[in-house]
Amino acid sequence: MSRIRLLADEELTPEARKQVQAVEASGADASVMRAAGHRQEMFDHYFKFYYPAHQGGQVEADLKELVRLKIARLNDCFT
C-alpha cells in the first residue's frame, strides 16, 4: 500500500502550519493536514466542502468520525 509522506512544519504553507500547530496543541492528530500539504490549494477547496458536511446533516459528527476511523483501519490507514 502506498504511503504519503507527512510534511514537516517548515514544508507547510504559513496558514497550514498555523492550523496544524493549533490542532496538535489541542492534542488532536493533524496527520491528514500534513499529508494534504502536498497539494494545499486542492485541499483548501476540499475542506471548504468537508467541514460543513461533517458537522451538518442527520448523523452526529462524532458518529461520522467513528465510521471514518473504522473505514481507515479496515484499509490499513492510520490517519
N, C-alpha and C. Protein backbone atom coordinates (compact mmCIF):
# COMPACT_ATOMS: atom_id res chain seq x y z
N MET A 1 0.84 -1.18 0.00
CA MET A 1 0.00 0.00 0.00
C MET A 1 0.89 1.24 0.00
N SER A 2 0.53 2.22 -0.80
CA SER A 2 1.28 3.47 -0.87
C SER A 2 1.13 4.27 0.41
N ARG A 3 2.14 5.03 0.71
CA ARG A 3 2.12 5.91 1.87
C ARG A 3 2.49 7.31 1.43
N ILE A 4 1.83 8.29 1.98
CA ILE A 4 2.11 9.68 1.68
C ILE A 4 2.96 10.23 2.82
N ARG A 5 4.09 10.82 2.46
CA ARG A 5 4.98 11.39 3.46
C ARG A 5 4.30 12.60 4.10
N LEU A 6 4.33 12.66 5.42
CA LEU A 6 3.75 13.78 6.15
C LEU A 6 4.77 14.92 6.17
N LEU A 7 4.32 16.11 5.81
CA LEU A 7 5.21 17.26 5.73
C LEU A 7 5.58 17.78 7.11
N ALA A 8 6.82 18.23 7.24
CA ALA A 8 7.29 18.89 8.45
C ALA A 8 6.76 20.33 8.47
N ASP A 9 6.80 20.96 9.62
CA ASP A 9 6.29 22.33 9.76
C ASP A 9 6.85 23.27 8.70
N GLU A 10 8.16 23.21 8.47
CA GLU A 10 8.79 24.14 7.54
C GLU A 10 8.40 23.90 6.08
N GLU A 11 7.79 22.78 5.79
CA GLU A 11 7.34 22.48 4.42
C GLU A 11 5.89 22.92 4.16
N LEU A 12 5.17 23.27 5.21
CA LEU A 12 3.78 23.69 5.08
C LEU A 12 3.68 25.17 4.74
N THR A 13 2.56 25.56 4.13
CA THR A 13 2.33 26.98 3.92
C THR A 13 2.14 27.62 5.30
N PRO A 14 2.37 28.92 5.41
CA PRO A 14 2.20 29.57 6.72
C PRO A 14 0.81 29.34 7.33
N GLU A 15 -0.24 29.42 6.51
CA GLU A 15 -1.59 29.21 7.04
C GLU A 15 -1.79 27.76 7.48
N ALA A 16 -1.32 26.81 6.67
CA ALA A 16 -1.44 25.39 7.03
C ALA A 16 -0.65 25.09 8.30
N ARG A 17 0.54 25.67 8.41
CA ARG A 17 1.37 25.47 9.61
C ARG A 17 0.62 25.95 10.85
N LYS A 18 0.01 27.11 10.75
CA LYS A 18 -0.75 27.68 11.88
C LYS A 18 -1.89 26.73 12.28
N GLN A 19 -2.61 26.21 11.29
CA GLN A 19 -3.73 25.30 11.57
C GLN A 19 -3.24 23.99 12.18
N VAL A 20 -2.16 23.44 11.62
CA VAL A 20 -1.60 22.17 12.13
C VAL A 20 -1.15 22.35 13.58
N GLN A 21 -0.45 23.43 13.85
CA GLN A 21 0.04 23.65 15.21
C GLN A 21 -1.11 23.83 16.19
N ALA A 22 -2.19 24.47 15.77
CA ALA A 22 -3.36 24.63 16.64
C ALA A 22 -4.02 23.28 16.91
N VAL A 23 -4.15 22.45 15.89
CA VAL A 23 -4.75 21.12 16.04
C VAL A 23 -3.91 20.28 16.99
N GLU A 24 -2.60 20.27 16.76
CA GLU A 24 -1.71 19.45 17.60
C GLU A 24 -1.64 19.99 19.04
N ALA A 25 -1.72 21.31 19.21
CA ALA A 25 -1.71 21.89 20.56
C ALA A 25 -2.94 21.46 21.35
N SER A 26 -4.04 21.18 20.64
CA SER A 26 -5.26 20.73 21.32
C SER A 26 -5.21 19.24 21.65
N GLY A 27 -4.14 18.57 21.19
CA GLY A 27 -3.99 17.15 21.46
C GLY A 27 -4.53 16.25 20.36
N ALA A 28 -5.02 16.85 19.28
CA ALA A 28 -5.58 16.07 18.18
C ALA A 28 -4.48 15.73 17.16
N ASP A 29 -4.80 14.83 16.26
CA ASP A 29 -3.87 14.38 15.24
C ASP A 29 -4.04 15.21 13.97
N ALA A 30 -2.97 15.77 13.47
CA ALA A 30 -3.01 16.60 12.26
C ALA A 30 -2.37 15.89 11.07
N SER A 31 -2.29 14.57 11.10
CA SER A 31 -1.63 13.83 10.02
C SER A 31 -2.27 14.09 8.66
N VAL A 32 -3.59 14.12 8.61
CA VAL A 32 -4.28 14.36 7.34
C VAL A 32 -3.90 15.73 6.79
N MET A 33 -3.82 16.71 7.65
CA MET A 33 -3.46 18.06 7.21
C MET A 33 -2.01 18.11 6.72
N ARG A 34 -1.13 17.36 7.39
CA ARG A 34 0.27 17.31 6.95
C ARG A 34 0.39 16.60 5.60
N ALA A 35 -0.39 15.58 5.38
CA ALA A 35 -0.37 14.88 4.09
C ALA A 35 -0.98 15.75 2.99
N ALA A 36 -2.03 16.46 3.31
CA ALA A 36 -2.71 17.31 2.34
C ALA A 36 -1.82 18.46 1.88
N GLY A 37 -0.81 18.79 2.64
CA GLY A 37 0.08 19.89 2.30
C GLY A 37 0.80 19.72 0.97
N HIS A 38 0.86 18.49 0.47
CA HIS A 38 1.49 18.26 -0.83
C HIS A 38 0.71 18.95 -1.95
N ARG A 39 -0.58 19.09 -1.76
CA ARG A 39 -1.46 19.77 -2.73
C ARG A 39 -2.38 20.72 -1.97
N GLN A 40 -1.80 21.65 -1.26
CA GLN A 40 -2.56 22.51 -0.36
C GLN A 40 -3.71 23.23 -1.04
N GLU A 41 -3.47 23.76 -2.25
CA GLU A 41 -4.52 24.52 -2.93
C GLU A 41 -5.74 23.65 -3.23
N MET A 42 -5.51 22.39 -3.59
CA MET A 42 -6.61 21.48 -3.86
C MET A 42 -7.38 21.17 -2.57
N PHE A 43 -6.66 20.91 -1.49
CA PHE A 43 -7.32 20.55 -0.25
C PHE A 43 -7.99 21.73 0.43
N ASP A 44 -7.52 22.95 0.16
CA ASP A 44 -8.23 24.12 0.69
C ASP A 44 -9.67 24.11 0.19
N HIS A 45 -9.85 23.81 -1.09
CA HIS A 45 -11.20 23.74 -1.66
C HIS A 45 -11.97 22.54 -1.09
N TYR A 46 -11.29 21.41 -0.94
CA TYR A 46 -11.94 20.21 -0.40
C TYR A 46 -12.46 20.46 1.02
N PHE A 47 -11.63 21.06 1.88
CA PHE A 47 -12.03 21.26 3.27
C PHE A 47 -13.18 22.26 3.40
N LYS A 48 -13.32 23.17 2.46
CA LYS A 48 -14.47 24.07 2.47
C LYS A 48 -15.77 23.29 2.30
N PHE A 49 -15.69 22.16 1.61
CA PHE A 49 -16.84 21.26 1.47
C PHE A 49 -16.94 20.31 2.67
N TYR A 50 -15.82 19.72 3.05
CA TYR A 50 -15.79 18.64 4.04
C TYR A 50 -16.30 19.08 5.42
N TYR A 51 -15.76 20.16 5.95
CA TYR A 51 -16.11 20.54 7.32
C TYR A 51 -17.61 20.82 7.49
N PRO A 52 -18.24 21.60 6.61
CA PRO A 52 -19.70 21.77 6.77
C PRO A 52 -20.47 20.45 6.63
N ALA A 53 -20.02 19.58 5.73
CA ALA A 53 -20.70 18.29 5.56
C ALA A 53 -20.50 17.41 6.80
N HIS A 54 -19.33 17.48 7.38
CA HIS A 54 -19.02 16.66 8.55
C HIS A 54 -19.82 17.12 9.77
N GLN A 55 -20.02 18.40 9.90
CA GLN A 55 -20.71 18.94 11.06
C GLN A 55 -22.24 18.96 10.90
N GLY A 56 -22.72 19.00 9.67
CA GLY A 56 -24.17 19.10 9.44
C GLY A 56 -24.81 17.75 9.17
N GLY A 57 -26.09 17.78 8.86
CA GLY A 57 -26.81 16.57 8.48
C GLY A 57 -27.51 15.89 9.65
N GLN A 58 -28.06 14.71 9.38
CA GLN A 58 -28.84 13.96 10.37
C GLN A 58 -27.98 13.13 11.32
N VAL A 59 -26.79 12.74 10.86
CA VAL A 59 -25.90 11.90 11.68
C VAL A 59 -24.94 12.79 12.44
N GLU A 60 -24.78 12.54 13.73
CA GLU A 60 -23.90 13.36 14.57
C GLU A 60 -22.45 13.25 14.10
N ALA A 61 -21.71 14.36 14.24
CA ALA A 61 -20.32 14.42 13.80
C ALA A 61 -19.46 13.35 14.49
N ASP A 62 -19.72 13.08 15.77
CA ASP A 62 -18.95 12.06 16.49
C ASP A 62 -19.12 10.68 15.86
N LEU A 63 -20.32 10.34 15.45
CA LEU A 63 -20.56 9.05 14.82
C LEU A 63 -19.90 9.00 13.44
N LYS A 64 -19.98 10.09 12.70
CA LYS A 64 -19.30 10.14 11.40
C LYS A 64 -17.80 9.91 11.56
N GLU A 65 -17.23 10.49 12.59
CA GLU A 65 -15.79 10.33 12.83
C GLU A 65 -15.46 8.89 13.19
N LEU A 66 -16.28 8.24 14.00
CA LEU A 66 -16.05 6.84 14.33
C LEU A 66 -16.12 5.96 13.09
N VAL A 67 -17.06 6.23 12.22
CA VAL A 67 -17.18 5.47 10.97
C VAL A 67 -15.96 5.71 10.10
N ARG A 68 -15.52 6.97 10.00
CA ARG A 68 -14.34 7.30 9.21
C ARG A 68 -13.11 6.55 9.73
N LEU A 69 -12.95 6.51 11.05
CA LEU A 69 -11.81 5.81 11.64
C LEU A 69 -11.88 4.30 11.40
N LYS A 70 -13.06 3.73 11.49
CA LYS A 70 -13.22 2.30 11.25
C LYS A 70 -12.87 1.96 9.80
N ILE A 71 -13.35 2.76 8.87
CA ILE A 71 -13.03 2.54 7.46
C ILE A 71 -11.53 2.66 7.23
N ALA A 72 -10.90 3.65 7.86
CA ALA A 72 -9.46 3.82 7.72
C ALA A 72 -8.72 2.59 8.23
N ARG A 73 -9.10 2.10 9.39
CA ARG A 73 -8.42 0.91 9.96
C ARG A 73 -8.63 -0.32 9.07
N LEU A 74 -9.83 -0.48 8.54
CA LEU A 74 -10.09 -1.62 7.66
C LEU A 74 -9.23 -1.58 6.39
N ASN A 75 -8.80 -0.37 6.03
CA ASN A 75 -7.95 -0.19 4.86
C ASN A 75 -6.47 0.01 5.23
N ASP A 76 -6.14 -0.33 6.48
CA ASP A 76 -4.79 -0.24 6.97
C ASP A 76 -4.22 1.18 6.86
N CYS A 77 -5.08 2.15 7.13
CA CYS A 77 -4.72 3.56 7.10
C CYS A 77 -4.78 4.09 8.52
N PHE A 78 -3.79 4.84 8.93
CA PHE A 78 -3.71 5.27 10.32
C PHE A 78 -3.81 6.79 10.47
N THR A 79 -4.57 7.45 9.57
CA THR A 79 -4.73 8.89 9.69
C THR A 79 -6.16 9.23 10.03
